[in-house]
Structure formats: C-alpha cells, structure tokens
Amino acid sequence: MNVRLHPHAAARLIERGATEAEVVSAVETGEKFSAKFGRTGFRRNFAYNGQWRGRHYATKQVEAIAVEDGRGWLVITMLVKFF
C-alpha cells in the first residue's frame, strides 16, 4: 500500500509527537473510520511508556486523516493522543 504524507502532515509530526513510520502503520494496519468532508480516518494505538510534555503516558494513539487518490493514500493531517 502506498502511503504519502502531505507537507502539512509531515510538518506536524514532531510538534504532535509522532513519527512517519507510526502514521504509515496507522494507515496500513489501524482501524478505519469515516471522517469529515468524505475523507477517511485511520487510528492505531502504540505502546508508549514514556514522557510527553512532562507527563508519563502508557499509550500513544495516532490518527491519520487521508484521501485516496490514484496512487494510494495521501495523509492530509494527523493527530496524536496520549493516555
């Protein structure tokens, strides 16, 4: 499966605490759901057991919002939740 990141999504990786590999993994193996504007969302939980902004979290959830084009999935944006 071909998964590409839009420049907006790529620029947000570090500030939101995800890696490109995690976003690609979410699209390839995560839970698929409907998103706004006819887009598709993908969600996957990762074991984290680390600190993010001064607090300890056990799990990191990566959500990728993407559109399918003729070449595969283009990730428009992504969100990260820690819990």
C-alpha atoms as a PDB file:
ATOM      1  CA  MET A   1       0.000   0.000   0.000  1.00  0.00           C
ATOM      2  CA  ASN A   2       1.377   3.408  -0.958  1.00  0.00           C
ATOM      3  CA  VAL A   3       1.044   5.987   1.848  1.00  0.00           C
ATOM      4  CA  ARG A   4       2.329   9.532   1.386  1.00  0.00           C
ATOM      5  CA  LEU A   5       2.286  12.499   3.752  1.00  0.00           C
ATOM      6  CA  HIS A   6       1.072  15.910   2.626  1.00  0.00           C
ATOM      7  CA  PRO A   7       3.598  18.634   3.555  1.00  0.00           C
ATOM      8  CA  HIS A   8       1.178  19.858   6.268  1.00  0.00           C
ATOM      9  CA  ALA A   9       1.095  16.425   7.931  1.00  0.00           C
ATOM     10  CA  ALA A  10       4.866  15.995   7.634  1.00  0.00           C
ATOM     11  CA  ALA A  11       5.448  19.405   9.225  1.00  0.00           C
ATOM     12  CA  ARG A  12       3.281  18.493  12.215  1.00  0.00           C
ATOM     13  CA  LEU A  13       4.981  15.180  13.095  1.00  0.00           C
ATOM     14  CA  ILE A  14       7.469  16.488  15.650  1.00  0.00           C
ATOM     15  CA  GLU A  15       5.172  19.031  17.307  1.00  0.00           C
ATOM     16  CA  ARG A  16       2.458  16.391  17.759  1.00  0.00           C
ATOM     17  CA  GLY A  17       4.780  13.602  18.898  1.00  0.00           C
ATOM     18  CA  ALA A  18       4.536  11.034  16.106  1.00  0.00           C
ATOM     19  CA  THR A  19       6.890   9.511  13.583  1.00  0.00           C
ATOM     20  CA  GLU A  20       6.275   8.990   9.897  1.00  0.00           C
ATOM     21  CA  ALA A  21       6.520   5.227  10.466  1.00  0.00           C
ATOM     22  CA  GLU A  22       3.717   5.377  13.064  1.00  0.00           C
ATOM     23  CA  VAL A  23       1.457   7.332  10.700  1.00  0.00           C
ATOM     24  CA  VAL A  24       2.100   4.884   7.864  1.00  0.00           C
ATOM     25  CA  SER A  25       1.472   1.960  10.237  1.00  0.00           C
ATOM     26  CA  ALA A  26      -1.819   3.523  11.360  1.00  0.00           C
ATOM     27  CA  VAL A  27      -2.976   3.722   7.741  1.00  0.00           C
ATOM     28  CA  GLU A  28      -1.784   0.225   6.855  1.00  0.00           C
ATOM     29  CA  THR A  29      -2.941  -1.699   9.931  1.00  0.00           C
ATOM     30  CA  GLY A  30      -5.131   0.621  12.011  1.00  0.00           C
ATOM     31  CA  GLU A  31      -8.876   0.884  12.496  1.00  0.00           C
ATOM     32  CA  LYS A  32     -10.576   2.616   9.576  1.00  0.00           C
ATOM     33  CA  PHE A  33     -13.363   5.184  10.158  1.00  0.00           C
ATOM     34  CA  SER A  34     -15.263   7.872   8.257  1.00  0.00           C
ATOM     35  CA  ALA A  35     -14.069  11.454   8.668  1.00  0.00           C
ATOM     36  CA  LYS A  36     -15.447  14.850   7.638  1.00  0.00           C
ATOM     37  CA  PHE A  37     -15.577  16.031   4.044  1.00  0.00           C
ATOM     38  CA  GLY A  38     -15.578  12.493   2.616  1.00  0.00           C
ATOM     39  CA  ARG A  39     -12.148  11.707   4.000  1.00  0.00           C
ATOM     40  CA  THR A  40     -11.090   8.505   5.722  1.00  0.00           C
ATOM     41  CA  GLY A  41      -9.503   8.244   9.140  1.00  0.00           C
ATOM     42  CA  PHE A  42      -7.182   5.559  10.446  1.00  0.00           C
ATOM     43  CA  ARG A  43      -6.490   5.032  14.142  1.00  0.00           C
ATOM     44  CA  ARG A  44      -3.928   2.851  15.899  1.00  0.00           C
ATOM     45  CA  ASN A  45      -2.676   2.606  19.476  1.00  0.00           C
ATOM     46  CA  PHE A  46       1.025   2.165  20.209  1.00  0.00           C
ATOM     47  CA  ALA A  47       2.687   1.182  23.485  1.00  0.00           C
ATOM     48  CA  TYR A  48       4.496   4.322  24.606  1.00  0.00           C
ATOM     49  CA  ASN A  49       5.552   4.131  28.271  1.00  0.00           C
ATOM     50  CA  GLY A  50       7.324   7.469  28.097  1.00  0.00           C
ATOM     51  CA  GLN A  51       7.099  11.148  28.864  1.00  0.00           C
ATOM     52  CA  TRP A  52       5.385  13.731  26.709  1.00  0.00           C
ATOM     53  CA  ARG A  53       5.477  17.358  27.813  1.00  0.00           C
ATOM     54  CA  GLY A  54       6.405  16.477  31.377  1.00  0.00           C
ATOM     55  CA  ARG A  55       3.841  13.731  31.992  1.00  0.00           C
ATOM     56  CA  HIS A  56       4.151   9.964  31.765  1.00  0.00           C
ATOM     57  CA  TYR A  57       1.831   8.048  29.405  1.00  0.00           C
ATOM     58  CA  ALA A  58       1.471   4.341  28.695  1.00  0.00           C
ATOM     59  CA  THR A  59      -0.217   4.608  25.294  1.00  0.00           C
ATOM     60  CA  LYS A  60       0.043   6.824  22.227  1.00  0.00           C
ATOM     61  CA  GLN A  61      -2.852   6.876  19.739  1.00  0.00           C
ATOM     62  CA  VAL A  62      -2.112   8.079  16.218  1.00  0.00           C
ATOM     63  CA  GLU A  63      -4.970   9.160  13.941  1.00  0.00           C
ATOM     64  CA  ALA A  64      -4.305   9.862  10.280  1.00  0.00           C
ATOM     65  CA  ILE A  65      -6.873  11.659   8.124  1.00  0.00           C
ATOM     66  CA  ALA A  66      -6.361  10.746   4.471  1.00  0.00           C
ATOM     67  CA  VAL A  67      -7.804  10.790   0.984  1.00  0.00           C
ATOM     68  CA  GLU A  68      -7.396   8.043  -1.569  1.00  0.00           C
ATOM     69  CA  ASP A  69      -6.110   9.044  -4.964  1.00  0.00           C
ATOM     70  CA  GLY A  70      -4.930   7.007  -7.903  1.00  0.00           C
ATOM     71  CA  ARG A  71      -1.544   6.412  -6.269  1.00  0.00           C
ATOM     72  CA  GLY A  72      -2.686   5.264  -2.796  1.00  0.00           C
ATOM     73  CA  TRP A  73      -3.410   7.193   0.410  1.00  0.00           C
ATOM     74  CA  LEU A  74      -2.408  10.818   0.946  1.00  0.00           C
ATOM     75  CA  VAL A  75      -2.385  11.727   4.647  1.00  0.00           C
ATOM     76  CA  ILE A  76      -3.715  15.277   4.936  1.00  0.00           C
ATOM     77  CA  THR A  77      -3.232  15.702   8.674  1.00  0.00           C
ATOM     78  CA  MET A  78      -2.667  13.638  11.764  1.00  0.00           C
ATOM     79  CA  LEU A  79      -3.479  13.805  15.453  1.00  0.00           C
ATOM     80  CA  VAL A  80      -1.807  12.200  18.432  1.00  0.00           C
ATOM     81  CA  LYS A  81      -3.421  11.451  21.795  1.00  0.00           C
ATOM     82  CA  PHE A  82      -1.557  10.255  24.852  1.00  0.00           C
ATOM     83  CA  PHE A  83      -3.205   8.342  27.671  1.00  0.00           C
END
